[in-house]
């Protein structure tokens, strides 16, 4: 039987699961010795990661806590202040995963368009500067943000909270290798994509004079332990990537990295399905081969073996995200770390 060692628990993508529901599961996975509870704060505007993490931090004592944050939605100073506070509440257990503010994020939030890669680099730099120079002033003149004589007025519990770069595209993966303490690979990507993506990360780190072996490699794996051969439990999340809002920043970049389960023909087919019948028809029209390629679904043994495939592809810390509330217990039972 395959055993799981390092493993994280993913949350935040299920509309039906309340913040209180999530808290109870985080308390449970801490008892089961999961390494990390991770909250995906998505463009779909579900629950807020920060307020929810405050509840996680107060009600747990050992498990690491992490979440995605899209730059520009909070200023670097506010982001620094927020995570210094969360790290204080959690006694030094926070991980911050920064993602680029794409054109889709900008339009949804009423922000002027900026170069996503440049703003990601500059915001990451500024957040680190604020932590490093806490109690003093920080000056920075960049292309996307400028500050003069501003800074954090408290000294954080830790001078450097780990920053992972949440990346899907080639550019994002290169940035992760160049400046990240780690990389967070996106959900609904295959082990084949993972190998290609991590090669990009390693090359970028080496070229930047960094040791790629020192980077934390995490990846979100959408999973569902189910009875029989029904894949309906994971269809909804796959479908969410192929709606018009998501395709250009969430799907096509996967193809350019080398995702074998996504083609332009599939994209056009599913966009047509969405136009004709909304998300319900889009979900029905996703081929089973795509679902099997981009997730870990099946019985408990099949899910464990699939997660092992992601490990073999290079993910050090799989963050298993149950596809919906009804499959959480069975999925966690399948992947609970061995003693």
Foldseek 3Di string as FASTA:
>chain_A
DDFFAAAAAEDAPAQVQDLVNVLVVLLVLVVLVHAEYEHECDLVRGDDPLVSLLSNLQNDAGHAYEYEDEPPVDALQVVLVSVLVSCVSNVRRYEYEYEFCAPLNCVSVVHDDDDRLQRSVVSVVVNLVQLQPPCWFDFDDGPVDTDGGDHHNDHGPDSDHFYEYEDQALSSLLVRLQDHLAYEYEAQFFLVLLLLSVVSSCVSNVVNVHHSVRHAFEYEAAEFADPDDDLLLQLLVVLVCLEPSRPPPRPPRSVVSPGPLDDPVLSVVLNVLCVVPNSVSSSVPRDPVSSVRRHQYYHLVSSSVRVVSNVVSPNPYYHYYYSYDVRVVRNCVSHRGDD
